[in-house]
Amino acid sequence: MATKLVNLYTRMEPDVKIPSSRPVTMSALSEAELNAELQKGYADSKAGRVKEASAVFAEIRKDYNV
């Protein structure tokens, strides 16, 4: 019994990162709000504010230890 308690108390949980803001979901937006968000993404793309998908996934793996 004592060994089980020691194991329970010595386990370390990984760091959990919680985003500072919630992601925007399409179902929560009106048509005008959705169009505004799409326009922002299009403007970012035209301005060159983009990342390679492989770099994005590498960041996600690093941030969440996946």
N, C-alpha and C. Protein backbone atom coordinates (compact mmCIF):
# COMPACT_ATOMS: atom_id res chain seq x y z
N MET A 1 0.82 -1.20 0.00
CA MET A 1 0.00 0.00 0.00
C MET A 1 0.86 1.25 0.00
N ALA A 2 1.91 1.28 0.83
CA ALA A 2 2.78 2.46 0.90
C ALA A 2 3.47 2.70 -0.44
N THR A 3 3.86 1.64 -1.13
CA THR A 3 4.52 1.79 -2.42
C THR A 3 3.59 2.44 -3.43
N LYS A 4 2.33 2.05 -3.42
CA LYS A 4 1.37 2.64 -4.34
C LYS A 4 1.19 4.12 -4.07
N LEU A 5 1.16 4.52 -2.81
CA LEU A 5 1.02 5.93 -2.47
C LEU A 5 2.24 6.72 -2.92
N VAL A 6 3.42 6.16 -2.74
CA VAL A 6 4.64 6.84 -3.17
C VAL A 6 4.61 7.04 -4.67
N ASN A 7 4.25 6.01 -5.42
CA ASN A 7 4.17 6.12 -6.87
C ASN A 7 3.15 7.18 -7.28
N LEU A 8 2.05 7.23 -6.59
CA LEU A 8 1.01 8.20 -6.90
C LEU A 8 1.52 9.62 -6.71
N TYR A 9 2.22 9.87 -5.64
CA TYR A 9 2.67 11.22 -5.32
C TYR A 9 3.92 11.64 -6.08
N THR A 10 4.66 10.70 -6.63
CA THR A 10 5.90 11.07 -7.32
C THR A 10 5.72 11.24 -8.82
N ARG A 11 4.58 10.95 -9.36
CA ARG A 11 4.35 11.12 -10.79
C ARG A 11 4.31 12.61 -11.14
N MET A 12 4.94 12.93 -12.25
CA MET A 12 4.96 14.31 -12.70
C MET A 12 4.07 14.43 -13.93
N GLU A 13 3.20 15.40 -13.93
CA GLU A 13 2.35 15.64 -15.09
C GLU A 13 3.09 16.58 -16.05
N PRO A 14 2.92 16.38 -17.36
CA PRO A 14 3.57 17.29 -18.31
C PRO A 14 2.95 18.68 -18.25
N ASP A 15 3.72 19.66 -18.69
CA ASP A 15 3.19 21.03 -18.74
C ASP A 15 2.05 21.07 -19.74
N VAL A 16 0.99 21.73 -19.37
CA VAL A 16 -0.15 21.90 -20.25
C VAL A 16 -0.25 23.37 -20.61
N LYS A 17 -0.26 23.66 -21.90
CA LYS A 17 -0.37 25.04 -22.36
C LYS A 17 -1.80 25.30 -22.79
N ILE A 18 -2.39 26.32 -22.22
CA ILE A 18 -3.76 26.69 -22.56
C ILE A 18 -3.70 27.98 -23.38
N PRO A 19 -4.30 27.98 -24.56
CA PRO A 19 -4.26 29.18 -25.38
C PRO A 19 -4.88 30.36 -24.64
N SER A 20 -4.35 31.56 -24.91
CA SER A 20 -4.86 32.75 -24.23
C SER A 20 -6.23 33.15 -24.74
N SER A 21 -6.54 32.80 -25.97
CA SER A 21 -7.87 33.11 -26.50
C SER A 21 -8.42 31.88 -27.21
N ARG A 22 -9.71 31.82 -27.30
CA ARG A 22 -10.33 30.67 -27.95
C ARG A 22 -10.29 30.84 -29.46
N PRO A 23 -10.08 29.76 -30.19
CA PRO A 23 -10.11 29.86 -31.65
C PRO A 23 -11.51 30.20 -32.13
N VAL A 24 -11.58 30.86 -33.25
CA VAL A 24 -12.86 31.23 -33.83
C VAL A 24 -13.45 30.00 -34.51
N THR A 25 -14.72 29.72 -34.26
CA THR A 25 -15.39 28.61 -34.93
C THR A 25 -16.43 29.17 -35.88
N MET A 26 -16.57 28.52 -37.00
CA MET A 26 -17.52 29.01 -38.02
C MET A 26 -18.94 29.06 -37.50
N SER A 27 -19.32 28.10 -36.68
CA SER A 27 -20.70 28.04 -36.21
C SER A 27 -21.07 29.20 -35.29
N ALA A 28 -20.05 29.86 -34.71
CA ALA A 28 -20.31 30.96 -33.78
C ALA A 28 -20.35 32.31 -34.50
N LEU A 29 -20.08 32.32 -35.82
CA LEU A 29 -20.00 33.58 -36.56
C LEU A 29 -21.23 33.81 -37.43
N SER A 30 -21.56 35.08 -37.58
CA SER A 30 -22.59 35.44 -38.56
C SER A 30 -21.92 35.39 -39.94
N GLU A 31 -22.72 35.51 -40.98
CA GLU A 31 -22.15 35.50 -42.33
C GLU A 31 -21.16 36.65 -42.52
N ALA A 32 -21.49 37.83 -42.01
CA ALA A 32 -20.60 38.99 -42.14
C ALA A 32 -19.30 38.78 -41.37
N GLU A 33 -19.39 38.20 -40.17
CA GLU A 33 -18.19 37.94 -39.38
C GLU A 33 -17.30 36.89 -40.06
N LEU A 34 -17.93 35.85 -40.61
CA LEU A 34 -17.17 34.82 -41.32
C LEU A 34 -16.46 35.43 -42.52
N ASN A 35 -17.16 36.26 -43.28
CA ASN A 35 -16.53 36.90 -44.44
C ASN A 35 -15.36 37.79 -44.01
N ALA A 36 -15.49 38.48 -42.89
CA ALA A 36 -14.40 39.32 -42.38
C ALA A 36 -13.19 38.47 -42.00
N GLU A 37 -13.41 37.32 -41.35
CA GLU A 37 -12.30 36.43 -40.99
C GLU A 37 -11.64 35.86 -42.23
N LEU A 38 -12.43 35.47 -43.22
CA LEU A 38 -11.86 34.96 -44.47
C LEU A 38 -11.05 36.04 -45.17
N GLN A 39 -11.54 37.26 -45.15
CA GLN A 39 -10.83 38.37 -45.77
C GLN A 39 -9.49 38.62 -45.08
N LYS A 40 -9.48 38.50 -43.74
CA LYS A 40 -8.21 38.66 -43.01
C LYS A 40 -7.20 37.60 -43.44
N GLY A 41 -7.65 36.37 -43.57
CA GLY A 41 -6.76 35.29 -44.00
C GLY A 41 -6.25 35.51 -45.41
N TYR A 42 -7.12 35.97 -46.28
CA TYR A 42 -6.72 36.25 -47.66
C TYR A 42 -5.69 37.38 -47.70
N ALA A 43 -5.92 38.43 -46.91
CA ALA A 43 -4.97 39.55 -46.86
C ALA A 43 -3.62 39.09 -46.32
N ASP A 44 -3.61 38.23 -45.30
CA ASP A 44 -2.35 37.69 -44.78
C ASP A 44 -1.61 36.91 -45.86
N SER A 45 -2.35 36.11 -46.60
CA SER A 45 -1.75 35.31 -47.66
C SER A 45 -1.13 36.20 -48.73
N LYS A 46 -1.86 37.20 -49.19
CA LYS A 46 -1.35 38.12 -50.22
C LYS A 46 -0.14 38.90 -49.73
N ALA A 47 -0.09 39.21 -48.43
CA ALA A 47 1.02 39.98 -47.86
C ALA A 47 2.23 39.11 -47.53
N GLY A 48 2.10 37.79 -47.74
CA GLY A 48 3.22 36.90 -47.49
C GLY A 48 3.36 36.45 -46.04
N ARG A 49 2.35 36.72 -45.24
CA ARG A 49 2.38 36.28 -43.84
C ARG A 49 1.87 34.84 -43.76
N VAL A 50 2.68 33.92 -44.24
CA VAL A 50 2.32 32.50 -44.31
C VAL A 50 3.45 31.66 -43.76
N LYS A 51 3.15 30.41 -43.42
CA LYS A 51 4.14 29.45 -42.96
C LYS A 51 3.91 28.14 -43.69
N GLU A 52 4.99 27.40 -43.86
CA GLU A 52 4.87 26.06 -44.43
C GLU A 52 4.11 25.17 -43.44
N ALA A 53 3.27 24.28 -43.95
CA ALA A 53 2.50 23.39 -43.09
C ALA A 53 3.43 22.55 -42.22
N SER A 54 4.55 22.10 -42.78
CA SER A 54 5.47 21.27 -41.99
C SER A 54 6.03 22.05 -40.80
N ALA A 55 6.26 23.36 -40.97
CA ALA A 55 6.76 24.19 -39.87
C ALA A 55 5.69 24.37 -38.80
N VAL A 56 4.45 24.53 -39.23
CA VAL A 56 3.34 24.68 -38.28
C VAL A 56 3.18 23.41 -37.46
N PHE A 57 3.19 22.25 -38.12
CA PHE A 57 3.04 20.99 -37.39
C PHE A 57 4.23 20.73 -36.47
N ALA A 58 5.41 21.14 -36.87
CA ALA A 58 6.59 20.99 -36.01
C ALA A 58 6.43 21.84 -34.75
N GLU A 59 5.90 23.06 -34.90
CA GLU A 59 5.65 23.92 -33.73
C GLU A 59 4.62 23.29 -32.80
N ILE A 60 3.57 22.73 -33.38
CA ILE A 60 2.52 22.09 -32.57
C ILE A 60 3.11 20.91 -31.80
N ARG A 61 3.91 20.07 -32.47
CA ARG A 61 4.53 18.93 -31.80
C ARG A 61 5.43 19.40 -30.67
N LYS A 62 6.19 20.47 -30.91
CA LYS A 62 7.10 21.00 -29.89
C LYS A 62 6.31 21.58 -28.71
N ASP A 63 5.28 22.39 -29.00
CA ASP A 63 4.51 23.05 -27.96
C ASP A 63 3.73 22.07 -27.09
N TYR A 64 3.23 20.99 -27.69
CA TYR A 64 2.37 20.06 -26.95
C TYR A 64 3.02 18.71 -26.70
N ASN A 65 4.33 18.61 -26.95
CA ASN A 65 5.07 17.37 -26.71
C ASN A 65 4.40 16.16 -27.36
N VAL A 66 4.02 16.32 -28.59
CA VAL A 66 3.34 15.25 -29.31
C VAL A 66 4.32 14.52 -30.19
